[in-house]
Amino acid sequence: MDFGRLITAMVTPFDGDGEINWEATSRLVDYLIEEQKSEALVVCGTTGESPTLSEEEKLRLFFYVLEKADGRCKIIAGTGSNSTKNSIHLTKEAEKIGVDGVLLVVPYYNKPNQEGLYRHFSAIAAETSLPCILYNVPSRTSVSMSVATTLRLAEIPNIVATKECASVDQITLIASACADDFHVYSGDDSAGLATLAVGGHGIISVASHVVGVEMSEMIEAFISGNVHRAGELHRQLFPVFKGLFECPQPLPNPSAVKYALELRGIPVGSVRLPLVGPSDDEAEFIKALLN
């Protein structure tokens, strides 16, 4: 399974009461595929505010987005959690729905060691025929999966990729040692071009909600050998990559990108508590960032 080089970790649209806005979800899926050129969508990942979504909401979103996409791009379900048993259950339900793959985050809060991580992911993979993408994001989980553990898991046939947020060093080491058909994605937009340069496959992105076309052009320029143009585009996009997370003060994902979508004429509502939307100063910063 090749999920493409530019994957968008999709936000979850909410209405004024904090419930899923299905009409806005429909418009967003069309926009991300047709206008921003996403090759795959992650549904109910961190950017989709998965910690505040119920299992019923997640399953409805998997089904709805899959139906709406209608084969125009791959749909990856965020089914990972810090409970192996619950992750297996949700993965099995997602497989019944017909998604193309699953994204499995490193367990958060309970801080397993490397053997625990290996057993967690291998247990989930053993219970599904779906392609599995690992997701290492130590800034959120408080534990980082090592290069050795990632490579050990990469030997399992249906563990096909990793979304790596630890460092470009870690991406380099994984890409240097993994099989050609195991794909390494950057989970950090600002490290996307560097990831390609060291042998990574692509980017699982937040910024692609608003600059996906430009990111696709950057990726294509690099792949086709036009490194100068790729670097030029990266430099142009870099303020957006950083600004959507740093605001002038760090703003929790996806607060900034949801507001950015509204500015682009794609309203998706605000975020669910405990997240909050941007302050007046942050909103002005995001407006300036997009201009």
C-alpha atoms as a PDB file:
ATOM      1  CA  MET A   1       0.000   0.000   0.000  1.00  0.00           C
ATOM      2  CA  ASP A   2       1.375   3.377  -1.064  1.00  0.00           C
ATOM      3  CA  PHE A   3      -0.504   6.164   0.671  1.00  0.00           C
ATOM      4  CA  GLY A   4       1.246   8.823  -1.416  1.00  0.00           C
ATOM      5  CA  ARG A   5       3.727  11.481  -0.415  1.00  0.00           C
ATOM      6  CA  LEU A   6       1.401  14.184   0.948  1.00  0.00           C
ATOM      7  CA  ILE A   7      -1.082  13.025   3.573  1.00  0.00           C
ATOM      8  CA  THR A   8      -3.275  15.475   5.477  1.00  0.00           C
ATOM      9  CA  ALA A   9      -4.050  14.829   9.138  1.00  0.00           C
ATOM     10  CA  MET A  10      -7.610  16.143   8.840  1.00  0.00           C
ATOM     11  CA  VAL A  11      -9.310  18.361  11.408  1.00  0.00           C
ATOM     12  CA  THR A  12     -12.754  17.374  12.680  1.00  0.00           C
ATOM     13  CA  PRO A  13     -15.349  20.077  11.937  1.00  0.00           C
ATOM     14  CA  PHE A  14     -17.681  21.016  14.790  1.00  0.00           C
ATOM     15  CA  ASP A  15     -20.817  23.131  14.926  1.00  0.00           C
ATOM     16  CA  GLY A  16     -21.598  25.861  17.448  1.00  0.00           C
ATOM     17  CA  ASP A  17     -22.640  23.260  20.020  1.00  0.00           C
ATOM     18  CA  GLY A  18     -19.414  21.297  19.696  1.00  0.00           C
ATOM     19  CA  GLU A  19     -21.009  18.438  17.763  1.00  0.00           C
ATOM     20  CA  ILE A  20     -19.614  17.050  14.505  1.00  0.00           C
ATOM     21  CA  ASN A  21     -20.708  19.205  11.580  1.00  0.00           C
ATOM     22  CA  TRP A  22     -21.326  16.688   8.806  1.00  0.00           C
ATOM     23  CA  GLU A  23     -22.012  19.254   6.094  1.00  0.00           C
ATOM     24  CA  ALA A  24     -18.738  21.013   6.889  1.00  0.00           C
ATOM     25  CA  THR A  25     -16.968  17.633   6.917  1.00  0.00           C
ATOM     26  CA  SER A  26     -18.268  16.937   3.424  1.00  0.00           C
ATOM     27  CA  ARG A  27     -17.013  20.297   2.132  1.00  0.00           C
ATOM     28  CA  LEU A  28     -13.651  19.806   3.850  1.00  0.00           C
ATOM     29  CA  VAL A  29     -13.047  16.389   2.293  1.00  0.00           C
ATOM     30  CA  ASP A  30     -13.770  17.770  -1.190  1.00  0.00           C
ATOM     31  CA  TYR A  31     -11.531  20.765  -0.555  1.00  0.00           C
ATOM     32  CA  LEU A  32      -8.582  18.727   0.729  1.00  0.00           C
ATOM     33  CA  ILE A  33      -8.731  16.277  -2.159  1.00  0.00           C
ATOM     34  CA  GLU A  34      -9.615  18.528  -5.068  1.00  0.00           C
ATOM     35  CA  GLU A  35      -8.072  21.863  -4.103  1.00  0.00           C
ATOM     36  CA  GLN A  36      -5.198  20.994  -1.750  1.00  0.00           C
ATOM     37  CA  LYS A  37      -4.173  17.777  -3.546  1.00  0.00           C
ATOM     38  CA  SER A  38      -4.054  15.472  -0.511  1.00  0.00           C
ATOM     39  CA  GLU A  39      -3.229  11.916  -1.564  1.00  0.00           C
ATOM     40  CA  ALA A  40      -4.570  10.458   1.688  1.00  0.00           C
ATOM     41  CA  LEU A  41      -6.435  11.685   4.751  1.00  0.00           C
ATOM     42  CA  VAL A  42      -5.878  10.684   8.363  1.00  0.00           C
ATOM     43  CA  VAL A  43      -9.246  10.737  10.126  1.00  0.00           C
ATOM     44  CA  CYS A  44      -9.403  11.054  13.929  1.00  0.00           C
ATOM     45  CA  GLY A  45      -5.717  11.595  14.491  1.00  0.00           C
ATOM     46  CA  THR A  46      -4.316  14.134  16.930  1.00  0.00           C
ATOM     47  CA  THR A  47      -5.227  16.982  14.568  1.00  0.00           C
ATOM     48  CA  GLY A  48      -8.737  15.519  14.426  1.00  0.00           C
ATOM     49  CA  GLU A  49      -8.961  15.931  18.234  1.00  0.00           C
ATOM     50  CA  SER A  50      -9.165  12.182  18.791  1.00  0.00           C
ATOM     51  CA  PRO A  51      -8.888  12.424  22.611  1.00  0.00           C
ATOM     52  CA  THR A  52     -12.260  14.207  22.744  1.00  0.00           C
ATOM     53  CA  LEU A  53     -14.089  11.981  20.236  1.00  0.00           C
ATOM     54  CA  SER A  54     -16.168   9.036  21.385  1.00  0.00           C
ATOM     55  CA  GLU A  55     -15.791   5.631  19.744  1.00  0.00           C
ATOM     56  CA  GLU A  56     -19.190   6.103  18.086  1.00  0.00           C
ATOM     57  CA  GLU A  57     -18.104   9.456  16.655  1.00  0.00           C
ATOM     58  CA  LYS A  58     -14.853   7.984  15.355  1.00  0.00           C
ATOM     59  CA  LEU A  59     -16.592   5.116  13.597  1.00  0.00           C
ATOM     60  CA  ARG A  60     -19.153   7.458  12.041  1.00  0.00           C
ATOM     61  CA  LEU A  61     -16.335   9.699  10.820  1.00  0.00           C
ATOM     62  CA  PHE A  62     -14.422   6.768   9.317  1.00  0.00           C
ATOM     63  CA  PHE A  63     -17.517   5.667   7.431  1.00  0.00           C
ATOM     64  CA  TYR A  64     -18.598   9.155   6.369  1.00  0.00           C
ATOM     65  CA  VAL A  65     -15.190  10.311   5.103  1.00  0.00           C
ATOM     66  CA  LEU A  66     -14.603   7.003   3.300  1.00  0.00           C
ATOM     67  CA  GLU A  67     -17.948   7.330   1.529  1.00  0.00           C
ATOM     68  CA  LYS A  68     -17.370  10.980   0.690  1.00  0.00           C
ATOM     69  CA  ALA A  69     -13.861  10.402  -0.645  1.00  0.00           C
ATOM     70  CA  ASP A  70     -15.288   7.698  -2.925  1.00  0.00           C
ATOM     71  CA  GLY A  71     -11.915   6.355  -3.980  1.00  0.00           C
ATOM     72  CA  ARG A  72     -10.378   9.747  -4.761  1.00  0.00           C
ATOM     73  CA  CYS A  73      -7.762   9.307  -2.032  1.00  0.00           C
ATOM     74  CA  LYS A  74      -6.767   6.795   0.645  1.00  0.00           C
ATOM     75  CA  ILE A  75      -8.435   6.979   4.051  1.00  0.00           C
ATOM     76  CA  ILE A  76      -6.352   6.204   7.137  1.00  0.00           C
ATOM     77  CA  ALA A  77      -8.180   5.744  10.433  1.00  0.00           C
ATOM     78  CA  GLY A  78      -6.599   6.904  13.667  1.00  0.00           C
ATOM     79  CA  THR A  79      -7.214   3.852  15.850  1.00  0.00           C
ATOM     80  CA  GLY A  80      -4.257   3.991  18.235  1.00  0.00           C
ATOM     81  CA  SER A  81      -4.517   4.715  21.949  1.00  0.00           C
ATOM     82  CA  ASN A  82      -2.722   3.887  25.182  1.00  0.00           C
ATOM     83  CA  SER A  83      -4.816   0.720  25.561  1.00  0.00           C
ATOM     84  CA  THR A  84      -3.755  -2.208  23.410  1.00  0.00           C
ATOM     85  CA  LYS A  85      -7.120  -3.914  23.862  1.00  0.00           C
ATOM     86  CA  ASN A  86      -9.087  -0.825  22.857  1.00  0.00           C
ATOM     87  CA  SER A  87      -6.785  -0.147  19.903  1.00  0.00           C
ATOM     88  CA  ILE A  88      -7.322  -3.689  18.611  1.00  0.00           C
ATOM     89  CA  HIS A  89     -11.089  -3.312  18.960  1.00  0.00           C
ATOM     90  CA  LEU A  90     -11.230   0.036  17.136  1.00  0.00           C
ATOM     91  CA  THR A  91      -8.883  -1.218  14.418  1.00  0.00           C
ATOM     92  CA  LYS A  92     -11.114  -4.234  13.801  1.00  0.00           C
ATOM     93  CA  GLU A  93     -14.177  -1.982  13.569  1.00  0.00           C
ATOM     94  CA  ALA A  94     -12.376   0.346  11.157  1.00  0.00           C
ATOM     95  CA  GLU A  95     -11.415  -2.629   9.011  1.00  0.00           C
ATOM     96  CA  LYS A  96     -15.077  -3.673   8.803  1.00  0.00           C
ATOM     97  CA  ILE A  97     -15.921  -0.185   7.558  1.00  0.00           C
ATOM     98  CA  GLY A  98     -13.376  -0.544   4.765  1.00  0.00           C
ATOM     99  CA  VAL A  99     -10.688   2.047   5.462  1.00  0.00           C
ATOM    100  CA  ASP A 100      -7.386   1.737   3.618  1.00  0.00           C
ATOM    101  CA  GLY A 101      -5.100   1.713   6.653  1.00  0.00           C
ATOM    102  CA  VAL A 102      -4.679   2.719  10.293  1.00  0.00           C
ATOM    103  CA  LEU A 103      -2.441   5.141  12.162  1.00  0.00           C
ATOM    104  CA  LEU A 104      -1.230   3.836  15.538  1.00  0.00           C
ATOM    105  CA  VAL A 105       0.202   6.333  18.001  1.00  0.00           C
ATOM    106  CA  VAL A 106       2.793   5.440  20.635  1.00  0.00           C
ATOM    107  CA  PRO A 107       0.850   4.857  23.874  1.00  0.00           C
ATOM    108  CA  TYR A 108       0.678   8.048  25.904  1.00  0.00           C
ATOM    109  CA  TYR A 109       0.718   8.643  29.653  1.00  0.00           C
ATOM    110  CA  ASN A 110       1.410   5.067  30.795  1.00  0.00           C
ATOM    111  CA  LYS A 111       5.034   5.245  29.506  1.00  0.00           C
ATOM    112  CA  PRO A 112       5.772   1.701  28.264  1.00  0.00           C
ATOM    113  CA  ASN A 113       9.354   0.631  27.673  1.00  0.00           C
ATOM    114  CA  GLN A 114      10.642  -0.438  24.241  1.00  0.00           C
ATOM    115  CA  GLU A 115       9.587  -4.069  24.690  1.00  0.00           C
ATOM    116  CA  GLY A 116       6.128  -2.895  25.705  1.00  0.00           C
ATOM    117  CA  LEU A 117       5.940  -0.721  22.588  1.00  0.00           C
ATOM    118  CA  TYR A 118       6.957  -3.640  20.396  1.00  0.00           C
ATOM    119  CA  ARG A 119       4.359  -5.938  21.929  1.00  0.00           C
ATOM    120  CA  HIS A 120       1.649  -3.242  21.734  1.00  0.00           C
ATOM    121  CA  PHE A 121       2.083  -2.586  18.017  1.00  0.00           C
ATOM    122  CA  SER A 122       2.740  -6.190  17.050  1.00  0.00           C
ATOM    123  CA  ALA A 123      -0.412  -7.285  18.904  1.00  0.00           C
ATOM    124  CA  ILE A 124      -2.543  -4.782  16.966  1.00  0.00           C
ATOM    125  CA  ALA A 125      -0.956  -5.704  13.635  1.00  0.00           C
ATOM    126  CA  ALA A 126      -1.612  -9.397  14.299  1.00  0.00           C
ATOM    127  CA  GLU A 127      -5.359  -8.730  14.633  1.00  0.00           C
ATOM    128  CA  THR A 128      -5.843  -6.923  11.309  1.00  0.00           C
ATOM    129  CA  SER A 129      -5.016  -7.308   7.649  1.00  0.00           C
ATOM    130  CA  LEU A 130      -4.926  -3.520   7.219  1.00  0.00           C
ATOM    131  CA  PRO A 131      -1.650  -1.697   6.540  1.00  0.00           C
ATOM    132  CA  CYS A 132      -0.471  -0.085   9.776  1.00  0.00           C
ATOM    133  CA  ILE A 133       1.418   3.197  10.129  1.00  0.00           C
ATOM    134  CA  LEU A 134       3.331   3.746  13.377  1.00  0.00           C
ATOM    135  CA  TYR A 135       3.235   7.235  14.910  1.00  0.00           C
ATOM    136  CA  ASN A 136       6.082   8.386  17.142  1.00  0.00           C
ATOM    137  CA  VAL A 137       5.402  11.793  18.706  1.00  0.00           C
ATOM    138  CA  PRO A 138       7.352  12.036  21.988  1.00  0.00           C
ATOM    139  CA  SER A 139       6.333  15.647  22.643  1.00  0.00           C
ATOM    140  CA  ARG A 140       2.791  14.352  23.230  1.00  0.00           C
ATOM    141  CA  THR A 141       3.342  10.832  24.544  1.00  0.00           C
ATOM    142  CA  SER A 142       6.283  11.398  26.949  1.00  0.00           C
ATOM    143  CA  VAL A 143       8.041   8.309  25.571  1.00  0.00           C
ATOM    144  CA  SER A 144       9.869   7.934  22.257  1.00  0.00           C
ATOM    145  CA  MET A 145      10.040   4.765  20.214  1.00  0.00           C
ATOM    146  CA  SER A 146      13.653   3.982  19.402  1.00  0.00           C
ATOM    147  CA  VAL A 147      15.115   3.412  15.967  1.00  0.00           C
ATOM    148  CA  ALA A 148      15.773  -0.218  16.900  1.00  0.00           C
ATOM    149  CA  THR A 149      12.156  -0.815  17.938  1.00  0.00           C
ATOM    150  CA  THR A 150      10.841   0.862  14.780  1.00  0.00           C
ATOM    151  CA  LEU A 151      13.071  -1.313  12.593  1.00  0.00           C
ATOM    152  CA  ARG A 152      12.042  -4.422  14.505  1.00  0.00           C
ATOM    153  CA  LEU A 153       8.382  -3.572  13.932  1.00  0.00           C
ATOM    154  CA  ALA A 154       9.068  -2.801  10.262  1.00  0.00           C
ATOM    155  CA  GLU A 155       9.771  -6.497   9.753  1.00  0.00           C
ATOM    156  CA  ILE A 156       6.081  -7.267  10.393  1.00  0.00           C
ATOM    157  CA  PRO A 157       4.489  -7.492   6.927  1.00  0.00           C
ATOM    158  CA  ASN A 158       1.486  -5.232   7.485  1.00  0.00           C
ATOM    159  CA  ILE A 159       3.409  -2.542   9.392  1.00  0.00           C
ATOM    160  CA  VAL A 160       4.250  -0.507   6.320  1.00  0.00           C
ATOM    161  CA  ALA A 161       5.273   2.986   7.455  1.00  0.00           C
ATOM    162  CA  THR A 162       6.030   5.320  10.315  1.00  0.00           C
ATOM    163  CA  LYS A 163       5.110   8.917  11.033  1.00  0.00           C
ATOM    164  CA  GLU A 164       8.177  10.180  12.857  1.00  0.00           C
ATOM    165  CA  CYS A 165       8.244  13.354  14.935  1.00  0.00           C
ATOM    166  CA  ALA A 166      11.281  12.759  17.145  1.00  0.00           C
ATOM    167  CA  SER A 167      14.010  14.298  14.980  1.00  0.00           C
ATOM    168  CA  VAL A 168      15.509  14.322  11.498  1.00  0.00           C
ATOM    169  CA  ASP A 169      18.385  12.302  12.995  1.00  0.00           C
ATOM    170  CA  GLN A 170      15.944   9.536  13.885  1.00  0.00           C
ATOM    171  CA  ILE A 171      14.320   9.719  10.447  1.00  0.00           C
ATOM    172  CA  THR A 172      17.767   9.416   8.867  1.00  0.00           C
ATOM    173  CA  LEU A 173      18.666   6.314  10.877  1.00  0.00           C
ATOM    174  CA  ILE A 174      15.351   4.588  10.129  1.00  0.00           C
ATOM    175  CA  ALA A 175      15.469   5.438   6.418  1.00  0.00           C
ATOM    176  CA  SER A 176      19.058   4.211   6.223  1.00  0.00           C
ATOM    177  CA  ALA A 177      18.242   0.758   7.571  1.00  0.00           C
ATOM    178  CA  CYS A 178      14.643  -0.070   6.639  1.00  0.00           C
ATOM    179  CA  ALA A 179      13.487  -1.978   3.579  1.00  0.00           C
ATOM    180  CA  ASP A 180      12.580   0.035   0.484  1.00  0.00           C
ATOM    181  CA  ASP A 181       8.899  -0.747   0.883  1.00  0.00           C
ATOM    182  CA  PHE A 182       8.761   0.614   4.449  1.00  0.00           C
ATOM    183  CA  HIS A 183       7.936   4.311   4.145  1.00  0.00           C
ATOM    184  CA  VAL A 184       9.139   6.997   6.538  1.00  0.00           C
ATOM    185  CA  TYR A 185       6.980  10.121   6.833  1.00  0.00           C
ATOM    186  CA  SER A 186       7.782  13.337   8.635  1.00  0.00           C
ATOM    187  CA  GLY A 187       5.119  14.368  11.103  1.00  0.00           C
ATOM    188  CA  ASP A 188       6.655  17.831  11.297  1.00  0.00           C
ATOM    189  CA  ASP A 189       5.893  20.063   8.306  1.00  0.00           C
ATOM    190  CA  SER A 190       9.084  22.076   8.731  1.00  0.00           C
ATOM    191  CA  ALA A 191      11.156  18.872   8.492  1.00  0.00           C
ATOM    192  CA  GLY A 192       9.396  17.606   5.365  1.00  0.00           C
ATOM    193  CA  LEU A 193      12.025  18.545   2.806  1.00  0.00           C
ATOM    194  CA  ALA A 194      14.840  17.310   5.041  1.00  0.00           C
ATOM    195  CA  THR A 195      12.963  14.014   5.398  1.00  0.00           C
ATOM    196  CA  LEU A 196      12.850  13.594   1.622  1.00  0.00           C
ATOM    197  CA  ALA A 197      16.532  14.474   1.387  1.00  0.00           C
ATOM    198  CA  VAL A 198      17.587  11.686   3.778  1.00  0.00           C
ATOM    199  CA  GLY A 199      15.459   9.026   2.112  1.00  0.00           C
ATOM    200  CA  GLY A 200      12.029   9.539   3.652  1.00  0.00           C
ATOM    201  CA  HIS A 201       8.897   9.084   1.574  1.00  0.00           C
ATOM    202  CA  GLY A 202       6.720  12.072   2.401  1.00  0.00           C
ATOM    203  CA  ILE A 203       4.873  14.196   4.947  1.00  0.00           C
ATOM    204  CA  ILE A 204       1.824  13.622   7.136  1.00  0.00           C
ATOM    205  CA  SER A 205       0.874  17.250   7.394  1.00  0.00           C
ATOM    206  CA  VAL A 206      -1.210  19.849   9.201  1.00  0.00           C
ATOM    207  CA  ALA A 207      -0.202  22.821   7.040  1.00  0.00           C
ATOM    208  CA  SER A 208      -1.477  21.016   3.925  1.00  0.00           C
ATOM    209  CA  HIS A 209      -4.949  22.164   4.967  1.00  0.00           C
ATOM    210  CA  VAL A 210      -4.002  25.589   3.642  1.00  0.00           C
ATOM    211  CA  VAL A 211      -0.785  25.195   1.576  1.00  0.00           C
ATOM    212  CA  GLY A 212      -1.188  21.673   0.219  1.00  0.00           C
ATOM    213  CA  VAL A 213      -0.785  22.715  -3.406  1.00  0.00           C
ATOM    214  CA  GLU A 214       2.509  24.418  -2.654  1.00  0.00           C
ATOM    215  CA  MET A 215       3.693  21.462  -0.580  1.00  0.00           C
ATOM    216  CA  SER A 216       2.861  19.079  -3.426  1.00  0.00           C
ATOM    217  CA  GLU A 217       4.875  21.273  -5.765  1.00  0.00           C
ATOM    218  CA  MET A 218       7.801  21.243  -3.327  1.00  0.00           C
ATOM    219  CA  ILE A 219       7.713  17.453  -3.075  1.00  0.00           C
ATOM    220  CA  GLU A 220       7.433  17.013  -6.841  1.00  0.00           C
ATOM    221  CA  ALA A 221      10.302  19.436  -7.444  1.00  0.00           C
ATOM    222  CA  PHE A 222      12.558  17.471  -5.115  1.00  0.00           C
ATOM    223  CA  ILE A 223      11.560  14.067  -6.527  1.00  0.00           C
ATOM    224  CA  SER A 224      12.155  15.274 -10.090  1.00  0.00           C
ATOM    225  CA  GLY A 225      15.623  16.543  -9.181  1.00  0.00           C
ATOM    226  CA  ASN A 226      14.923  20.271  -9.036  1.00  0.00           C
ATOM    227  CA  VAL A 227      16.433  20.685  -5.581  1.00  0.00           C
ATOM    228  CA  HIS A 228      16.859  24.443  -5.970  1.00  0.00           C
ATOM    229  CA  ARG A 229      13.124  24.930  -6.586  1.00  0.00           C
ATOM    230  CA  ALA A 230      12.237  22.577  -3.732  1.00  0.00           C
ATOM    231  CA  GLY A 231      14.425  24.590  -1.366  1.00  0.00           C
ATOM    232  CA  GLU A 232      12.921  27.841  -2.588  1.00  0.00           C
ATOM    233  CA  LEU A 233       9.400  26.580  -1.904  1.00  0.00           C
ATOM    234  CA  HIS A 234      10.385  25.247   1.513  1.00  0.00           C
ATOM    235  CA  ARG A 235      11.778  28.647   2.470  1.00  0.00           C
ATOM    236  CA  GLN A 236       8.577  30.347   1.314  1.00  0.00           C
ATOM    237  CA  LEU A 237       6.402  27.921   3.276  1.00  0.00           C
ATOM    238  CA  PHE A 238       8.553  27.758   6.397  1.00  0.00           C
ATOM    239  CA  PRO A 239       6.841  30.688   8.208  1.00  0.00           C
ATOM    240  CA  VAL A 240       3.475  28.930   7.759  1.00  0.00           C
ATOM    241  CA  PHE A 241       4.895  25.597   8.945  1.00  0.00           C
ATOM    242  CA  LYS A 242       6.234  27.160  12.136  1.00  0.00           C
ATOM    243  CA  GLY A 243       3.604  29.834  12.648  1.00  0.00           C
ATOM    244  CA  LEU A 244       0.630  27.461  12.780  1.00  0.00           C
ATOM    245  CA  PHE A 245       2.123  25.932  15.927  1.00  0.00           C
ATOM    246  CA  GLU A 246       4.032  28.792  17.497  1.00  0.00           C
ATOM    247  CA  CYS A 247       1.563  31.608  16.813  1.00  0.00           C
ATOM    248  CA  PRO A 248       3.394  34.130  18.710  1.00  0.00           C
ATOM    249  CA  GLN A 249       3.016  31.792  21.699  1.00  0.00           C
ATOM    250  CA  PRO A 250       2.597  28.024  21.287  1.00  0.00           C
ATOM    251  CA  LEU A 251      -1.023  27.277  20.355  1.00  0.00           C
ATOM    252  CA  PRO A 252      -2.342  23.724  20.641  1.00  0.00           C
ATOM    253  CA  ASN A 253      -2.918  21.911  17.348  1.00  0.00           C
ATOM    254  CA  PRO A 254      -5.457  22.225  15.655  1.00  0.00           C
ATOM    255  CA  SER A 255      -6.589  25.597  17.030  1.00  0.00           C
ATOM    256  CA  ALA A 256      -4.562  27.674  14.567  1.00  0.00           C
ATOM    257  CA  VAL A 257      -5.235  25.616  11.446  1.00  0.00           C
ATOM    258  CA  LYS A 258      -8.982  25.582  12.127  1.00  0.00           C
ATOM    259  CA  TYR A 259      -8.933  29.369  12.250  1.00  0.00           C
ATOM    260  CA  ALA A 260      -6.761  29.461   9.124  1.00  0.00           C
ATOM    261  CA  LEU A 261      -9.345  27.338   7.304  1.00  0.00           C
ATOM    262  CA  GLU A 262     -12.058  29.798   8.282  1.00  0.00           C
ATOM    263  CA  LEU A 263      -9.970  32.612   6.824  1.00  0.00           C
ATOM    264  CA  ARG A 264      -9.699  30.602   3.609  1.00  0.00           C
ATOM    265  CA  GLY A 265     -13.478  30.300   3.395  1.00  0.00           C
ATOM    266  CA  ILE A 266     -13.662  26.723   4.702  1.00  0.00           C
ATOM    267  CA  PRO A 267     -15.393  27.069   8.094  1.00  0.00           C
ATOM    268  CA  VAL A 268     -14.884  24.055  10.361  1.00  0.00           C
ATOM    269  CA  GLY A 269     -15.851  25.532  13.715  1.00  0.00           C
ATOM    270  CA  SER A 270     -13.680  25.809  16.779  1.00  0.00           C
ATOM    271  CA  VAL A 271     -12.012  23.186  18.964  1.00  0.00           C
ATOM    272  CA  ARG A 272     -13.437  21.147  21.836  1.00  0.00           C
ATOM    273  CA  LEU A 273     -12.361  21.781  25.397  1.00  0.00           C
ATOM    274  CA  PRO A 274      -9.832  21.452  26.896  1.00  0.00           C
ATOM    275  CA  LEU A 275      -8.431  23.130  23.761  1.00  0.00           C
ATOM    276  CA  VAL A 276      -9.381  26.732  23.050  1.00  0.00           C
ATOM    277  CA  GLY A 277      -9.352  28.844  19.915  1.00  0.00           C
ATOM    278  CA  PRO A 278      -6.846  31.612  19.217  1.00  0.00           C
ATOM    279  CA  SER A 279      -6.866  34.845  21.211  1.00  0.00           C
ATOM    280  CA  ASP A 280      -7.367  38.161  19.396  1.00  0.00           C
ATOM    281  CA  ASP A 281      -3.604  38.638  19.114  1.00  0.00           C
ATOM    282  CA  GLU A 282      -3.124  35.082  17.855  1.00  0.00           C
ATOM    283  CA  ALA A 283      -5.921  35.518  15.326  1.00  0.00           C
ATOM    284  CA  GLU A 284      -4.239  38.643  13.953  1.00  0.00           C
ATOM    285  CA  PHE A 285      -0.942  36.759  13.734  1.00  0.00           C
ATOM    286  CA  ILE A 286      -2.585  33.942  11.730  1.00  0.00           C
ATOM    287  CA  LYS A 287      -4.213  36.467   9.376  1.00  0.00           C
ATOM    288  CA  ALA A 288      -0.832  38.066   8.730  1.00  0.00           C
ATOM    289  CA  LEU A 289       0.766  34.645   8.298  1.00  0.00           C
ATOM    290  CA  LEU A 290      -1.608  33.712   5.478  1.00  0.00           C
ATOM    291  CA  ASN A 291      -1.223  37.059   3.736  1.00  0.00           C
END
